[in-house]
Amino acid sequence: MTSNFDGGYQLPLDSSGTTQFRLRLPSAGFSPAGSYQSRLQAMLDGDLRQPTRLLDINYRSIPVVAMKVSTASAPWLSQMGNSYRVDMGEMTKGSKRNIWLEMKSNASVSIRIESHHGRLKHSSINNEYIDYSLRLYNESWSPDKVYQRSIEPMQAKRYTRVPFSIEVRPQPRALAGEYSDRLTITLTAR
C-alpha cells in the first residue's frame, strides 16, 4: 500500500476491479474493551465521475488480562513455565515472602486464589500440616478458604504491581521434612 500526498493510501485493483486489504491495529491488544466503529472513504483515483464509497469498519476489543511475576531479585522464587515455586526456607522461626504480581488489563479484573490443601502438607506423613496465611493488598486470609475479589482498575499500557505475601508463623514443634501446597491464581477480565 503506498501513501499519497493528501494523507490517503492507494491500493491497486486486480483484473476484476476489486481489491482486498487487511486493517492492522497494532496497539489494539490492550485498547479499552468494547466496540469501535469508523468509516473508510474509497474512490477511484483520477475518475471524478465515480461516486465516493463509504465503507463501515467495526472492531471489537475483547477483555484481556496479563500477569507476570519477577523472579530476578528473589532467589527463593523460581519459575517453571506458568508455575512458580516459593521456597519458604526454615520454618521453625517463621517465614514471610513478599511477591509482586504484575498485571495489566483493558477491562475490570477479578482475581480468585485457591489452595489445593488449605495448609502446608507434609510430603510423607499424611496427617501432618502447617497453617499459613496469605495477603493481597491489605487483606489477609487463611488458604482453607477461596479468596475472590475485584482488582482495582489498572492501566492497559503498563503493568500494575499488586502486593502479595505468604506467611508461616513460627513452627518450633513441626516434624522435620518438606511441606507444600499448591495455589491456583485465576484472573478474569470482564
N, C-alpha and C. Protein backbone atom coordinates (compact mmCIF):
# COMPACT_ATOMS: atom_id res chain seq x y z
N MET A 1 0.86 -1.16 0.00
CA MET A 1 0.00 0.00 0.00
C MET A 1 0.91 1.22 0.00
N THR A 2 0.69 2.11 -0.91
CA THR A 2 1.51 3.32 -0.98
C THR A 2 0.70 4.52 -0.52
N SER A 3 1.39 5.45 0.10
CA SER A 3 0.75 6.64 0.62
C SER A 3 0.76 7.72 -0.46
N ASN A 4 -0.31 8.50 -0.54
CA ASN A 4 -0.29 9.64 -1.46
C ASN A 4 -0.12 10.92 -0.65
N PHE A 5 -0.08 12.03 -1.30
CA PHE A 5 0.27 13.28 -0.63
C PHE A 5 -0.85 13.88 0.20
N ASP A 6 -2.09 13.47 0.01
CA ASP A 6 -3.20 14.07 0.77
C ASP A 6 -3.58 13.26 2.00
N GLY A 7 -2.71 12.39 2.47
CA GLY A 7 -2.98 11.63 3.69
C GLY A 7 -3.71 10.33 3.46
N GLY A 8 -4.00 9.99 2.23
CA GLY A 8 -4.68 8.74 1.91
C GLY A 8 -3.69 7.68 1.46
N TYR A 9 -4.24 6.55 1.06
CA TYR A 9 -3.42 5.44 0.57
C TYR A 9 -3.97 4.98 -0.75
N GLN A 10 -3.09 4.50 -1.63
CA GLN A 10 -3.51 3.96 -2.91
C GLN A 10 -3.34 2.45 -2.90
N LEU A 11 -4.40 1.77 -3.33
CA LEU A 11 -4.37 0.31 -3.41
C LEU A 11 -4.57 -0.09 -4.86
N PRO A 12 -3.81 -1.05 -5.36
CA PRO A 12 -4.01 -1.50 -6.74
C PRO A 12 -5.27 -2.36 -6.85
N LEU A 13 -5.99 -2.24 -7.95
CA LEU A 13 -7.15 -3.08 -8.22
C LEU A 13 -6.69 -4.29 -9.01
N ASP A 14 -7.32 -5.45 -8.76
CA ASP A 14 -6.97 -6.60 -9.58
C ASP A 14 -7.80 -6.56 -10.86
N SER A 15 -7.67 -7.55 -11.71
CA SER A 15 -8.33 -7.53 -13.03
C SER A 15 -9.85 -7.54 -12.93
N SER A 16 -10.40 -7.97 -11.80
CA SER A 16 -11.85 -7.97 -11.65
C SER A 16 -12.37 -6.62 -11.14
N GLY A 17 -11.47 -5.70 -10.85
CA GLY A 17 -11.88 -4.38 -10.36
C GLY A 17 -12.08 -4.32 -8.86
N THR A 18 -11.58 -5.32 -8.14
CA THR A 18 -11.71 -5.31 -6.69
C THR A 18 -10.32 -5.38 -6.06
N THR A 19 -10.28 -5.10 -4.79
CA THR A 19 -9.04 -5.25 -4.03
C THR A 19 -9.38 -5.67 -2.62
N GLN A 20 -8.48 -6.39 -2.02
CA GLN A 20 -8.65 -6.79 -0.62
C GLN A 20 -7.49 -6.22 0.17
N PHE A 21 -7.78 -5.82 1.38
CA PHE A 21 -6.72 -5.34 2.27
C PHE A 21 -7.08 -5.71 3.69
N ARG A 22 -6.06 -5.78 4.52
CA ARG A 22 -6.25 -6.05 5.94
C ARG A 22 -5.96 -4.79 6.72
N LEU A 23 -6.80 -4.51 7.64
CA LEU A 23 -6.62 -3.36 8.52
C LEU A 23 -5.95 -3.87 9.79
N ARG A 24 -4.75 -3.40 10.04
CA ARG A 24 -3.99 -3.86 11.21
C ARG A 24 -4.03 -2.79 12.30
N LEU A 25 -4.35 -3.21 13.51
CA LEU A 25 -4.42 -2.31 14.66
C LEU A 25 -3.38 -2.77 15.67
N PRO A 26 -2.11 -2.33 15.53
CA PRO A 26 -1.04 -2.88 16.36
C PRO A 26 -1.20 -2.62 17.86
N SER A 27 -1.82 -1.55 18.25
CA SER A 27 -1.94 -1.28 19.69
C SER A 27 -3.32 -1.66 20.23
N ALA A 28 -4.11 -2.38 19.47
CA ALA A 28 -5.46 -2.70 19.89
C ALA A 28 -5.52 -3.83 20.91
N GLY A 29 -4.45 -4.57 21.12
CA GLY A 29 -4.46 -5.70 22.04
C GLY A 29 -4.89 -5.32 23.44
N PHE A 30 -4.50 -4.15 23.90
CA PHE A 30 -4.89 -3.69 25.23
C PHE A 30 -5.67 -2.38 25.16
N SER A 31 -6.34 -2.14 24.02
CA SER A 31 -7.22 -0.97 23.96
C SER A 31 -8.40 -1.25 24.88
N PRO A 32 -9.03 -0.22 25.43
CA PRO A 32 -10.17 -0.46 26.32
C PRO A 32 -11.20 -1.38 25.66
N ALA A 33 -11.67 -2.37 26.41
CA ALA A 33 -12.63 -3.34 25.87
C ALA A 33 -13.89 -2.62 25.41
N GLY A 34 -14.44 -3.09 24.31
CA GLY A 34 -15.67 -2.52 23.80
C GLY A 34 -15.70 -2.56 22.29
N SER A 35 -16.70 -1.91 21.72
CA SER A 35 -16.87 -1.88 20.27
C SER A 35 -16.42 -0.53 19.72
N TYR A 36 -15.79 -0.58 18.56
CA TYR A 36 -15.29 0.61 17.90
C TYR A 36 -15.82 0.63 16.46
N GLN A 37 -16.16 1.79 15.99
CA GLN A 37 -16.63 1.94 14.62
C GLN A 37 -15.88 3.09 13.96
N SER A 38 -15.73 2.96 12.65
CA SER A 38 -15.14 4.02 11.86
C SER A 38 -15.69 3.89 10.45
N ARG A 39 -15.38 4.83 9.62
CA ARG A 39 -15.85 4.80 8.24
C ARG A 39 -14.67 5.09 7.35
N LEU A 40 -14.52 4.29 6.32
CA LEU A 40 -13.44 4.42 5.35
C LEU A 40 -14.03 4.98 4.07
N GLN A 41 -13.39 6.02 3.54
CA GLN A 41 -13.84 6.63 2.30
C GLN A 41 -12.99 6.07 1.16
N ALA A 42 -13.64 5.55 0.13
CA ALA A 42 -12.92 4.95 -1.00
C ALA A 42 -13.40 5.59 -2.30
N MET A 43 -12.44 5.86 -3.20
CA MET A 43 -12.79 6.38 -4.52
C MET A 43 -11.72 5.96 -5.51
N LEU A 44 -12.10 5.96 -6.75
CA LEU A 44 -11.14 5.63 -7.80
C LEU A 44 -10.29 6.86 -8.08
N ASP A 45 -9.00 6.67 -8.12
CA ASP A 45 -8.07 7.78 -8.33
C ASP A 45 -8.18 8.31 -9.76
N GLY A 46 -8.42 9.59 -9.88
CA GLY A 46 -8.43 10.23 -11.19
C GLY A 46 -9.74 10.15 -11.93
N ASP A 47 -10.73 9.47 -11.42
CA ASP A 47 -12.02 9.35 -12.10
C ASP A 47 -13.06 10.06 -11.25
N LEU A 48 -13.30 11.34 -11.54
CA LEU A 48 -14.22 12.15 -10.74
C LEU A 48 -15.67 11.78 -10.98
N ARG A 49 -15.95 11.00 -12.06
CA ARG A 49 -17.34 10.61 -12.33
C ARG A 49 -17.80 9.48 -11.40
N GLN A 50 -16.87 8.75 -10.83
CA GLN A 50 -17.21 7.65 -9.94
C GLN A 50 -17.56 8.21 -8.56
N PRO A 51 -18.65 7.74 -7.95
CA PRO A 51 -19.01 8.24 -6.63
C PRO A 51 -18.04 7.73 -5.55
N THR A 52 -17.91 8.52 -4.51
CA THR A 52 -17.14 8.09 -3.35
C THR A 52 -17.96 7.04 -2.61
N ARG A 53 -17.28 5.97 -2.19
CA ARG A 53 -17.97 4.92 -1.43
C ARG A 53 -17.51 5.00 0.02
N LEU A 54 -18.46 4.82 0.91
CA LEU A 54 -18.15 4.79 2.33
C LEU A 54 -18.28 3.34 2.81
N LEU A 55 -17.24 2.87 3.46
CA LEU A 55 -17.23 1.52 3.98
C LEU A 55 -17.17 1.58 5.50
N ASP A 56 -18.10 0.91 6.16
CA ASP A 56 -18.10 0.88 7.62
C ASP A 56 -17.08 -0.14 8.12
N ILE A 57 -16.34 0.25 9.15
CA ILE A 57 -15.38 -0.63 9.79
C ILE A 57 -15.83 -0.80 11.24
N ASN A 58 -16.01 -2.03 11.64
CA ASN A 58 -16.41 -2.33 13.01
C ASN A 58 -15.34 -3.20 13.65
N TYR A 59 -14.95 -2.86 14.86
CA TYR A 59 -13.92 -3.61 15.56
C TYR A 59 -14.37 -3.82 17.00
N ARG A 60 -14.16 -5.01 17.51
CA ARG A 60 -14.50 -5.29 18.91
C ARG A 60 -13.23 -5.69 19.63
N SER A 61 -12.92 -4.97 20.69
CA SER A 61 -11.77 -5.28 21.54
C SER A 61 -12.28 -6.09 22.72
N ILE A 62 -11.83 -7.33 22.79
CA ILE A 62 -12.31 -8.21 23.86
C ILE A 62 -11.52 -7.94 25.14
N PRO A 63 -12.11 -8.20 26.31
CA PRO A 63 -11.39 -8.02 27.57
C PRO A 63 -10.22 -9.00 27.67
N VAL A 64 -9.04 -8.49 28.02
CA VAL A 64 -7.86 -9.33 28.20
C VAL A 64 -7.13 -8.91 29.47
N VAL A 65 -6.39 -9.86 30.04
CA VAL A 65 -5.59 -9.58 31.22
C VAL A 65 -4.30 -10.38 31.09
N ALA A 66 -3.21 -9.81 31.57
CA ALA A 66 -1.92 -10.49 31.56
C ALA A 66 -1.28 -10.32 32.94
N MET A 67 -0.52 -11.33 33.35
CA MET A 67 0.16 -11.26 34.64
C MET A 67 1.57 -11.82 34.48
N LYS A 68 2.49 -11.22 35.21
CA LYS A 68 3.85 -11.76 35.28
C LYS A 68 4.35 -11.59 36.71
N VAL A 69 5.34 -12.40 37.07
CA VAL A 69 5.95 -12.34 38.39
C VAL A 69 7.44 -12.27 38.17
N SER A 70 8.06 -11.23 38.67
CA SER A 70 9.51 -11.08 38.51
C SER A 70 10.23 -11.94 39.54
N THR A 71 11.12 -12.80 39.06
CA THR A 71 11.90 -13.67 39.94
C THR A 71 13.34 -13.19 40.08
N ALA A 72 13.70 -12.10 39.41
CA ALA A 72 15.10 -11.66 39.34
C ALA A 72 15.71 -11.35 40.70
N SER A 73 14.99 -10.68 41.58
CA SER A 73 15.59 -10.26 42.86
C SER A 73 15.17 -11.15 44.03
N ALA A 74 14.61 -12.30 43.73
CA ALA A 74 14.15 -13.20 44.80
C ALA A 74 14.72 -14.60 44.57
N PRO A 75 15.85 -14.92 45.19
CA PRO A 75 16.45 -16.25 44.97
C PRO A 75 15.57 -17.40 45.47
N TRP A 76 14.61 -17.13 46.31
CA TRP A 76 13.69 -18.14 46.85
C TRP A 76 12.48 -18.36 45.95
N LEU A 77 12.42 -17.63 44.81
CA LEU A 77 11.30 -17.71 43.88
C LEU A 77 11.81 -18.15 42.52
N SER A 78 11.27 -19.25 42.01
CA SER A 78 11.71 -19.72 40.70
C SER A 78 10.50 -20.01 39.82
N GLN A 79 10.72 -19.92 38.52
CA GLN A 79 9.64 -20.10 37.55
C GLN A 79 9.88 -21.36 36.73
N MET A 80 8.78 -22.11 36.49
CA MET A 80 8.81 -23.28 35.63
C MET A 80 7.57 -23.20 34.74
N GLY A 81 7.71 -22.65 33.54
CA GLY A 81 6.56 -22.46 32.65
C GLY A 81 5.61 -21.45 33.25
N ASN A 82 4.35 -21.83 33.42
CA ASN A 82 3.35 -20.94 34.03
C ASN A 82 3.25 -21.12 35.54
N SER A 83 4.17 -21.89 36.13
CA SER A 83 4.15 -22.15 37.57
C SER A 83 5.34 -21.48 38.24
N TYR A 84 5.16 -21.15 39.50
CA TYR A 84 6.23 -20.55 40.31
C TYR A 84 6.40 -21.38 41.57
N ARG A 85 7.62 -21.51 42.01
CA ARG A 85 7.92 -22.25 43.25
C ARG A 85 8.45 -21.24 44.25
N VAL A 86 7.83 -21.20 45.43
CA VAL A 86 8.23 -20.30 46.51
C VAL A 86 8.87 -21.15 47.60
N ASP A 87 10.15 -20.96 47.85
CA ASP A 87 10.85 -21.68 48.92
C ASP A 87 10.70 -20.85 50.19
N MET A 88 9.97 -21.38 51.15
CA MET A 88 9.72 -20.64 52.39
C MET A 88 10.89 -20.74 53.37
N GLY A 89 11.88 -21.58 53.07
CA GLY A 89 13.04 -21.70 53.94
C GLY A 89 12.72 -22.45 55.22
N GLU A 90 13.56 -22.24 56.22
CA GLU A 90 13.39 -22.87 57.53
C GLU A 90 12.19 -22.25 58.24
N MET A 91 11.24 -23.07 58.66
CA MET A 91 10.00 -22.54 59.23
C MET A 91 9.92 -22.62 60.74
N THR A 92 10.95 -23.10 61.41
CA THR A 92 10.85 -23.19 62.87
C THR A 92 10.74 -21.81 63.51
N LYS A 93 11.33 -20.80 62.88
CA LYS A 93 11.25 -19.43 63.39
C LYS A 93 10.25 -18.58 62.62
N GLY A 94 9.56 -19.18 61.66
CA GLY A 94 8.60 -18.44 60.86
C GLY A 94 9.25 -17.92 59.60
N SER A 95 8.41 -17.59 58.64
CA SER A 95 8.93 -17.14 57.36
C SER A 95 7.86 -16.32 56.64
N LYS A 96 8.29 -15.31 55.91
CA LYS A 96 7.36 -14.49 55.13
C LYS A 96 8.01 -14.17 53.79
N ARG A 97 7.25 -14.30 52.72
CA ARG A 97 7.72 -13.98 51.38
C ARG A 97 6.77 -12.97 50.75
N ASN A 98 7.35 -11.85 50.31
CA ASN A 98 6.59 -10.81 49.62
C ASN A 98 6.85 -10.92 48.13
N ILE A 99 5.79 -10.98 47.37
CA ILE A 99 5.87 -11.17 45.92
C ILE A 99 5.06 -10.08 45.24
N TRP A 100 5.60 -9.53 44.15
CA TRP A 100 4.85 -8.57 43.35
C TRP A 100 4.20 -9.31 42.18
N LEU A 101 2.87 -9.33 42.16
CA LEU A 101 2.13 -9.82 41.00
C LEU A 101 1.95 -8.61 40.08
N GLU A 102 2.46 -8.67 38.88
CA GLU A 102 2.37 -7.54 37.95
C GLU A 102 1.30 -7.86 36.91
N MET A 103 0.28 -6.99 36.83
CA MET A 103 -0.87 -7.24 35.97
C MET A 103 -1.16 -6.03 35.11
N LYS A 104 -1.72 -6.32 33.93
CA LYS A 104 -2.29 -5.25 33.10
C LYS A 104 -3.53 -5.80 32.42
N SER A 105 -4.48 -4.91 32.18
CA SER A 105 -5.75 -5.32 31.57
C SER A 105 -6.41 -4.12 30.92
N ASN A 106 -7.26 -4.41 29.96
CA ASN A 106 -8.04 -3.36 29.31
C ASN A 106 -9.48 -3.33 29.82
N ALA A 107 -9.74 -4.04 30.92
CA ALA A 107 -11.10 -4.13 31.46
C ALA A 107 -11.04 -4.32 32.97
N SER A 108 -12.19 -4.46 33.58
CA SER A 108 -12.24 -4.78 35.01
C SER A 108 -11.74 -6.21 35.19
N VAL A 109 -11.07 -6.46 36.31
CA VAL A 109 -10.47 -7.78 36.55
C VAL A 109 -10.91 -8.30 37.90
N SER A 110 -11.20 -9.60 37.94
CA SER A 110 -11.42 -10.26 39.23
C SER A 110 -10.32 -11.29 39.41
N ILE A 111 -9.95 -11.51 40.66
CA ILE A 111 -8.91 -12.48 40.99
C ILE A 111 -9.51 -13.54 41.90
N ARG A 112 -9.10 -14.78 41.68
CA ARG A 112 -9.54 -15.90 42.51
C ARG A 112 -8.29 -16.68 42.88
N ILE A 113 -8.11 -16.94 44.19
CA ILE A 113 -6.95 -17.68 44.67
C ILE A 113 -7.46 -18.88 45.46
N GLU A 114 -7.06 -20.07 45.02
CA GLU A 114 -7.50 -21.31 45.65
C GLU A 114 -6.28 -22.12 46.07
N SER A 115 -6.40 -22.76 47.22
CA SER A 115 -5.35 -23.63 47.73
C SER A 115 -5.75 -25.09 47.51
N HIS A 116 -4.79 -25.93 47.18
CA HIS A 116 -5.06 -27.36 46.96
C HIS A 116 -5.34 -28.08 48.29
N HIS A 117 -4.54 -27.80 49.33
CA HIS A 117 -4.69 -28.47 50.63
C HIS A 117 -5.30 -27.57 51.71
N GLY A 118 -5.23 -26.26 51.55
CA GLY A 118 -5.70 -25.34 52.59
C GLY A 118 -4.66 -25.10 53.67
N ARG A 119 -3.60 -25.85 53.66
CA ARG A 119 -2.47 -25.75 54.60
C ARG A 119 -1.24 -26.32 53.90
N LEU A 120 -0.09 -26.17 54.53
CA LEU A 120 1.11 -26.83 54.02
C LEU A 120 1.09 -28.27 54.49
N LYS A 121 1.17 -29.21 53.57
CA LYS A 121 1.05 -30.64 53.88
C LYS A 121 2.43 -31.28 53.86
N HIS A 122 2.71 -32.10 54.85
CA HIS A 122 3.98 -32.83 54.93
C HIS A 122 4.08 -33.78 53.73
N SER A 123 5.28 -33.90 53.19
CA SER A 123 5.45 -34.70 51.97
C SER A 123 5.29 -36.20 52.19
N SER A 124 5.52 -36.71 53.41
CA SER A 124 5.43 -38.16 53.61
C SER A 124 4.54 -38.59 54.78
N ILE A 125 4.08 -37.66 55.60
CA ILE A 125 3.19 -38.00 56.72
C ILE A 125 1.82 -37.38 56.43
N ASN A 126 0.84 -38.24 56.17
CA ASN A 126 -0.46 -37.76 55.69
C ASN A 126 -1.18 -36.78 56.60
N ASN A 127 -1.12 -36.93 57.89
CA ASN A 127 -1.90 -36.07 58.79
C ASN A 127 -1.08 -34.95 59.41
N GLU A 128 0.03 -34.60 58.83
CA GLU A 128 0.88 -33.54 59.39
C GLU A 128 0.79 -32.30 58.50
N TYR A 129 0.30 -31.20 59.11
CA TYR A 129 0.09 -29.95 58.37
C TYR A 129 0.69 -28.77 59.14
N ILE A 130 0.94 -27.69 58.40
CA ILE A 130 1.33 -26.40 59.00
C ILE A 130 0.40 -25.35 58.41
N ASP A 131 -0.21 -24.55 59.28
CA ASP A 131 -1.07 -23.46 58.82
C ASP A 131 -0.21 -22.30 58.33
N TYR A 132 -0.75 -21.56 57.40
CA TYR A 132 -0.08 -20.35 56.91
C TYR A 132 -1.15 -19.36 56.47
N SER A 133 -0.75 -18.15 56.18
CA SER A 133 -1.71 -17.13 55.77
C SER A 133 -1.24 -16.45 54.48
N LEU A 134 -2.21 -15.87 53.79
CA LEU A 134 -1.96 -15.16 52.54
C LEU A 134 -2.44 -13.72 52.69
N ARG A 135 -1.83 -12.83 51.92
CA ARG A 135 -2.23 -11.43 51.96
C ARG A 135 -2.14 -10.86 50.55
N LEU A 136 -3.20 -10.18 50.14
CA LEU A 136 -3.25 -9.46 48.87
C LEU A 136 -3.70 -8.05 49.19
N TYR A 137 -2.96 -7.06 48.72
CA TYR A 137 -3.17 -5.68 49.17
C TYR A 137 -3.08 -5.70 50.70
N ASN A 138 -4.10 -5.27 51.40
CA ASN A 138 -4.08 -5.29 52.86
C ASN A 138 -5.07 -6.29 53.44
N GLU A 139 -5.51 -7.23 52.62
CA GLU A 139 -6.45 -8.24 53.08
C GLU A 139 -5.71 -9.54 53.35
N SER A 140 -5.89 -10.06 54.57
CA SER A 140 -5.24 -11.31 54.95
C SER A 140 -6.32 -12.39 55.10
N TRP A 141 -6.00 -13.63 54.72
CA TRP A 141 -6.94 -14.73 54.86
C TRP A 141 -6.20 -16.05 54.96
N SER A 142 -6.93 -17.04 55.43
CA SER A 142 -6.40 -18.40 55.53
C SER A 142 -6.66 -19.12 54.21
N PRO A 143 -5.69 -19.87 53.70
CA PRO A 143 -5.89 -20.52 52.41
C PRO A 143 -6.89 -21.67 52.43
N ASP A 144 -7.47 -21.99 53.58
CA ASP A 144 -8.51 -23.02 53.57
C ASP A 144 -9.83 -22.46 53.02
N LYS A 145 -9.85 -21.16 52.74
CA LYS A 145 -10.99 -20.50 52.12
C LYS A 145 -10.57 -19.98 50.74
N VAL A 146 -11.49 -20.04 49.78
CA VAL A 146 -11.22 -19.48 48.45
C VAL A 146 -11.33 -17.96 48.55
N TYR A 147 -10.35 -17.27 47.99
CA TYR A 147 -10.33 -15.81 48.01
C TYR A 147 -10.77 -15.31 46.64
N GLN A 148 -11.69 -14.35 46.62
CA GLN A 148 -12.14 -13.77 45.36
C GLN A 148 -12.49 -12.31 45.58
N ARG A 149 -12.06 -11.47 44.65
CA ARG A 149 -12.39 -10.05 44.72
C ARG A 149 -12.11 -9.39 43.38
N SER A 150 -12.64 -8.18 43.24
CA SER A 150 -12.31 -7.36 42.08
C SER A 150 -11.01 -6.64 42.37
N ILE A 151 -10.23 -6.46 41.34
CA ILE A 151 -8.95 -5.77 41.48
C ILE A 151 -9.17 -4.30 41.13
N GLU A 152 -8.45 -3.44 41.79
CA GLU A 152 -8.53 -2.01 41.48
C GLU A 152 -8.24 -1.80 39.99
N PRO A 153 -8.91 -0.81 39.37
CA PRO A 153 -8.66 -0.58 37.93
C PRO A 153 -7.17 -0.37 37.65
N MET A 154 -6.73 -0.89 36.53
CA MET A 154 -5.32 -0.77 36.16
C MET A 154 -5.20 -0.21 34.76
N GLN A 155 -4.00 0.20 34.43
CA GLN A 155 -3.76 0.76 33.10
C GLN A 155 -3.45 -0.37 32.13
N ALA A 156 -3.99 -0.24 30.91
CA ALA A 156 -3.80 -1.28 29.92
C ALA A 156 -2.41 -1.23 29.28
N LYS A 157 -1.77 -0.10 29.28
CA LYS A 157 -0.50 0.05 28.57
C LYS A 157 0.71 -0.41 29.38
N ARG A 158 0.58 -0.48 30.70
CA ARG A 158 1.74 -0.90 31.50
C ARG A 158 1.27 -1.74 32.68
N TYR A 159 2.19 -2.50 33.22
CA TYR A 159 1.86 -3.39 34.34
C TYR A 159 1.69 -2.62 35.64
N THR A 160 0.71 -3.05 36.44
CA THR A 160 0.45 -2.52 37.77
C THR A 160 0.93 -3.56 38.77
N ARG A 161 1.69 -3.12 39.76
CA ARG A 161 2.21 -4.05 40.77
C ARG A 161 1.19 -4.24 41.89
N VAL A 162 0.89 -5.50 42.18
CA VAL A 162 -0.08 -5.86 43.22
C VAL A 162 0.68 -6.64 44.29
N PRO A 163 0.72 -6.14 45.54
CA PRO A 163 1.47 -6.85 46.60
C PRO A 163 0.75 -8.11 47.06
N PHE A 164 1.52 -9.20 47.14
CA PHE A 164 1.00 -10.49 47.56
C PHE A 164 2.04 -11.09 48.51
N SER A 165 1.60 -11.70 49.61
CA SER A 165 2.57 -12.31 50.52
C SER A 165 2.05 -13.62 51.09
N ILE A 166 3.03 -14.45 51.47
CA ILE A 166 2.77 -15.75 52.09
C ILE A 166 3.52 -15.74 53.41
N GLU A 167 2.83 -16.11 54.50
CA GLU A 167 3.48 -16.06 55.82
C GLU A 167 3.20 -17.33 56.62
N VAL A 168 4.26 -17.87 57.20
CA VAL A 168 4.17 -19.02 58.11
C VAL A 168 4.64 -18.52 59.47
N ARG A 169 3.81 -18.69 60.47
CA ARG A 169 4.20 -18.31 61.83
C ARG A 169 5.24 -19.32 62.35
N PRO A 170 5.99 -18.98 63.38
CA PRO A 170 7.00 -19.92 63.92
C PRO A 170 6.40 -21.30 64.21
N GLN A 171 7.14 -22.33 63.82
CA GLN A 171 6.69 -23.72 63.98
C GLN A 171 7.75 -24.53 64.73
N PRO A 172 8.01 -24.24 66.02
CA PRO A 172 9.09 -24.93 66.73
C PRO A 172 8.84 -26.43 66.95
N ARG A 173 7.57 -26.87 66.88
CA ARG A 173 7.27 -28.28 67.14
C ARG A 173 6.90 -29.05 65.87
N ALA A 174 7.07 -28.45 64.71
CA ALA A 174 6.72 -29.15 63.46
C ALA A 174 7.68 -30.30 63.22
N LEU A 175 7.17 -31.38 62.68
CA LEU A 175 8.01 -32.52 62.34
C LEU A 175 8.93 -32.16 61.18
N ALA A 176 10.14 -32.66 61.23
CA ALA A 176 11.11 -32.38 60.17
C ALA A 176 10.60 -32.93 58.84
N GLY A 177 10.97 -32.27 57.77
CA GLY A 177 10.60 -32.72 56.43
C GLY A 177 10.15 -31.56 55.56
N GLU A 178 9.72 -31.89 54.37
CA GLU A 178 9.25 -30.87 53.43
C GLU A 178 7.73 -30.78 53.48
N TYR A 179 7.24 -29.55 53.40
CA TYR A 179 5.81 -29.27 53.39
C TYR A 179 5.50 -28.49 52.12
N SER A 180 4.32 -28.69 51.56
CA SER A 180 3.98 -27.96 50.34
C SER A 180 2.47 -27.79 50.22
N ASP A 181 2.11 -26.86 49.37
CA ASP A 181 0.73 -26.62 48.98
C ASP A 181 0.79 -26.07 47.57
N ARG A 182 -0.31 -26.09 46.87
CA ARG A 182 -0.39 -25.53 45.53
C ARG A 182 -1.48 -24.48 45.50
N LEU A 183 -1.11 -23.26 45.10
CA LEU A 183 -2.08 -22.19 44.94
C LEU A 183 -2.38 -22.01 43.46
N THR A 184 -3.63 -21.81 43.13
CA THR A 184 -4.02 -21.51 41.77
C THR A 184 -4.58 -20.09 41.76
N ILE A 185 -3.97 -19.23 40.94
CA ILE A 185 -4.42 -17.85 40.82
C ILE A 185 -5.08 -17.71 39.46
N THR A 186 -6.34 -17.32 39.46
CA THR A 186 -7.09 -17.16 38.22
C THR A 186 -7.49 -15.69 38.08
N LEU A 187 -7.14 -15.09 36.96
CA LEU A 187 -7.53 -13.72 36.65
C LEU A 187 -8.58 -13.75 35.54
N THR A 188 -9.64 -12.99 35.72
CA THR A 188 -10.69 -12.94 34.71
C THR A 188 -10.96 -11.47 34.35
N ALA A 189 -10.83 -11.15 33.08
CA ALA A 189 -11.14 -9.80 32.59
C ALA A 189 -12.59 -9.80 32.13
N ARG A 190 -13.33 -8.76 32.52
CA ARG A 190 -14.73 -8.67 32.12
C ARG A 190 -15.09 -7.25 31.77
